[in-house]
Amino acid sequence: MQKHKQTKVLYKDESRMFYTAISLFVATFALYMYFLSDSIVHVVMRKEVDAQISVLGTTVSDLEAEYIEMQHRVSNDIASLQGFVVADSKIFIDKTEPTFVLLQN
């Protein structure tokens, strides 16, 4: 009778350890699946953000080009209001001949 009771306790301990191991395995597997899906979601979100960054970068460069063009247009308009005109014939200095410059103090 004593031997039967002792083996029953032993089986109960083994059974408890088996179910604990199974529970830990299931919990570990569930956590693995959660973190795997979470990392996949973050990779997809990162690709979407990278695409948005490139689109916004293109938009900003287009706006900068338009700004520079408008700035030059405004400069030309202001210069023409003050009487400046575009030089049709351009004069270039020939540096092969020695030139002298008079400095005034």
C-alpha atoms as a PDB file:
ATOM      1  CA  MET A   1       0.000   0.000   0.000  1.00  0.00           C
ATOM      2  CA  GLN A   2       2.857   2.331   0.844  1.00  0.00           C
ATOM      3  CA  LYS A   3       4.513   1.712  -2.527  1.00  0.00           C
ATOM      4  CA  HIS A   4       1.290   2.426  -4.403  1.00  0.00           C
ATOM      5  CA  LYS A   5       0.849   5.760  -2.608  1.00  0.00           C
ATOM      6  CA  GLN A   6       4.438   6.752  -3.302  1.00  0.00           C
ATOM      7  CA  THR A   7       4.133   6.057  -7.048  1.00  0.00           C
ATOM      8  CA  LYS A   8       0.848   7.978  -7.136  1.00  0.00           C
ATOM      9  CA  VAL A   9       2.623  11.042  -5.672  1.00  0.00           C
ATOM     10  CA  LEU A  10       5.476  10.582  -8.137  1.00  0.00           C
ATOM     11  CA  TYR A  11       3.060  10.477 -11.092  1.00  0.00           C
ATOM     12  CA  LYS A  12       1.277  13.524  -9.721  1.00  0.00           C
ATOM     13  CA  ASP A  13       4.578  15.453  -9.583  1.00  0.00           C
ATOM     14  CA  GLU A  14       5.519  14.333 -13.101  1.00  0.00           C
ATOM     15  CA  SER A  15       2.083  15.257 -14.369  1.00  0.00           C
ATOM     16  CA  ARG A  16       2.333  18.708 -12.766  1.00  0.00           C
ATOM     17  CA  MET A  17       5.804  19.258 -14.286  1.00  0.00           C
ATOM     18  CA  PHE A  18       4.550  18.088 -17.696  1.00  0.00           C
ATOM     19  CA  TYR A  19       1.616  20.515 -17.685  1.00  0.00           C
ATOM     20  CA  THR A  20       3.880  23.315 -16.437  1.00  0.00           C
ATOM     21  CA  ALA A  21       6.319  22.623 -19.286  1.00  0.00           C
ATOM     22  CA  ILE A  22       3.477  22.548 -21.822  1.00  0.00           C
ATOM     23  CA  SER A  23       2.105  25.831 -20.420  1.00  0.00           C
ATOM     24  CA  LEU A  24       5.532  27.461 -20.630  1.00  0.00           C
ATOM     25  CA  PHE A  25       5.959  26.198 -24.187  1.00  0.00           C
ATOM     26  CA  VAL A  26       2.563  27.585 -25.232  1.00  0.00           C
ATOM     27  CA  ALA A  27       3.287  30.917 -23.524  1.00  0.00           C
ATOM     28  CA  THR A  28       6.720  31.125 -25.164  1.00  0.00           C
ATOM     29  CA  PHE A  29       5.268  30.261 -28.563  1.00  0.00           C
ATOM     30  CA  ALA A  30       2.530  32.892 -28.146  1.00  0.00           C
ATOM     31  CA  LEU A  31       5.108  35.534 -27.217  1.00  0.00           C
ATOM     32  CA  TYR A  32       7.258  34.523 -30.198  1.00  0.00           C
ATOM     33  CA  MET A  33       4.308  34.895 -32.571  1.00  0.00           C
ATOM     34  CA  TYR A  34       3.394  38.267 -31.036  1.00  0.00           C
ATOM     35  CA  PHE A  35       6.904  39.702 -31.382  1.00  0.00           C
ATOM     36  CA  LEU A  36       7.278  38.279 -34.881  1.00  0.00           C
ATOM     37  CA  SER A  37       4.045  39.889 -36.077  1.00  0.00           C
ATOM     38  CA  ASP A  38       4.953  43.123 -34.278  1.00  0.00           C
ATOM     39  CA  SER A  39       8.322  43.278 -36.037  1.00  0.00           C
ATOM     40  CA  ILE A  40       6.682  42.629 -39.425  1.00  0.00           C
ATOM     41  CA  VAL A  41       4.239  45.464 -38.796  1.00  0.00           C
ATOM     42  CA  HIS A  42       7.130  47.782 -37.913  1.00  0.00           C
ATOM     43  CA  VAL A  43       9.041  46.848 -41.072  1.00  0.00           C
ATOM     44  CA  VAL A  44       5.995  47.615 -43.225  1.00  0.00           C
ATOM     45  CA  MET A  45       5.436  50.905 -41.400  1.00  0.00           C
ATOM     46  CA  ARG A  46       9.104  51.817 -41.900  1.00  0.00           C
ATOM     47  CA  LYS A  47       8.836  51.221 -45.657  1.00  0.00           C
ATOM     48  CA  GLU A  48       5.734  53.424 -45.810  1.00  0.00           C
ATOM     49  CA  VAL A  49       7.508  56.175 -43.872  1.00  0.00           C
ATOM     50  CA  ASP A  50      10.534  55.947 -46.187  1.00  0.00           C
ATOM     51  CA  ALA A  51       8.223  56.336 -49.199  1.00  0.00           C
ATOM     52  CA  GLN A  52       6.558  59.363 -47.590  1.00  0.00           C
ATOM     53  CA  ILE A  53       9.973  60.870 -46.822  1.00  0.00           C
ATOM     54  CA  SER A  54      11.045  60.596 -50.459  1.00  0.00           C
ATOM     55  CA  VAL A  55       7.755  62.121 -51.674  1.00  0.00           C
ATOM     56  CA  LEU A  56       8.069  64.991 -49.199  1.00  0.00           C
ATOM     57  CA  GLY A  57      11.720  65.510 -50.166  1.00  0.00           C
ATOM     58  CA  THR A  58      10.715  65.813 -53.816  1.00  0.00           C
ATOM     59  CA  THR A  59       7.944  68.250 -52.912  1.00  0.00           C
ATOM     60  CA  VAL A  60      10.316  70.384 -50.844  1.00  0.00           C
ATOM     61  CA  SER A  61      12.910  70.508 -53.642  1.00  0.00           C
ATOM     62  CA  ASP A  62      10.208  71.547 -56.140  1.00  0.00           C
ATOM     63  CA  LEU A  63       9.075  74.305 -53.787  1.00  0.00           C
ATOM     64  CA  GLU A  64      12.672  75.472 -53.290  1.00  0.00           C
ATOM     65  CA  ALA A  65      13.201  75.652 -57.067  1.00  0.00           C
ATOM     66  CA  GLU A  66       9.975  77.629 -57.447  1.00  0.00           C
ATOM     67  CA  TYR A  67      11.054  79.964 -54.617  1.00  0.00           C
ATOM     68  CA  ILE A  68      14.430  80.637 -56.239  1.00  0.00           C
ATOM     69  CA  GLU A  69      12.771  81.287 -59.596  1.00  0.00           C
ATOM     70  CA  MET A  70      10.306  83.738 -58.040  1.00  0.00           C
ATOM     71  CA  GLN A  71      13.103  85.426 -56.099  1.00  0.00           C
ATOM     72  CA  HIS A  72      15.034  86.075 -59.330  1.00  0.00           C
ATOM     73  CA  ARG A  73      11.876  87.308 -61.014  1.00  0.00           C
ATOM     74  CA  VAL A  74      11.278  89.775 -58.174  1.00  0.00           C
ATOM     75  CA  SER A  75      14.916  90.921 -58.337  1.00  0.00           C
ATOM     76  CA  ASN A  76      14.629  91.553 -62.084  1.00  0.00           C
ATOM     77  CA  ASP A  77      11.363  93.445 -61.591  1.00  0.00           C
ATOM     78  CA  ILE A  78      12.843  95.634 -58.860  1.00  0.00           C
ATOM     79  CA  ALA A  79      15.966  96.300 -60.915  1.00  0.00           C
ATOM     80  CA  SER A  80      13.902  97.334 -63.960  1.00  0.00           C
ATOM     81  CA  LEU A  81      11.853  99.716 -61.788  1.00  0.00           C
ATOM     82  CA  GLN A  82      15.063 101.447 -60.729  1.00  0.00           C
ATOM     83  CA  GLY A  83      16.115 101.955 -64.346  1.00  0.00           C
ATOM     84  CA  PHE A  84      18.532  99.060 -64.785  1.00  0.00           C
ATOM     85  CA  VAL A  85      18.404  97.213 -68.130  1.00  0.00           C
ATOM     86  CA  VAL A  86      19.867  93.960 -69.400  1.00  0.00           C
ATOM     87  CA  ALA A  87      23.253  94.533 -71.067  1.00  0.00           C
ATOM     88  CA  ASP A  88      23.051  93.428 -74.688  1.00  0.00           C
ATOM     89  CA  SER A  89      26.732  93.838 -75.500  1.00  0.00           C
ATOM     90  CA  LYS A  90      29.046  92.465 -72.894  1.00  0.00           C
ATOM     91  CA  ILE A  91      32.566  93.761 -72.385  1.00  0.00           C
ATOM     92  CA  PHE A  92      35.225  91.369 -71.148  1.00  0.00           C
ATOM     93  CA  ILE A  93      38.635  92.350 -69.781  1.00  0.00           C
ATOM     94  CA  ASP A  94      41.622  90.786 -71.491  1.00  0.00           C
ATOM     95  CA  LYS A  95      44.041  89.610 -68.806  1.00  0.00           C
ATOM     96  CA  THR A  96      46.887  88.854 -71.193  1.00  0.00           C
ATOM     97  CA  GLU A  97      47.943  92.510 -71.147  1.00  0.00           C
ATOM     98  CA  PRO A  98      49.136  93.999 -67.874  1.00  0.00           C
ATOM     99  CA  THR A  99      46.573  96.303 -66.306  1.00  0.00           C
ATOM    100  CA  PHE A 100      47.047  98.865 -63.600  1.00  0.00           C
ATOM    101  CA  VAL A 101      44.506  99.846 -61.015  1.00  0.00           C
ATOM    102  CA  LEU A 102      44.528 103.129 -59.185  1.00  0.00           C
ATOM    103  CA  LEU A 103      43.663 102.713 -55.515  1.00  0.00           C
ATOM    104  CA  GLN A 104      42.329 105.745 -53.735  1.00  0.00           C
ATOM    105  CA  ASN A 105      42.571 106.137 -50.004  1.00  0.00           C
END
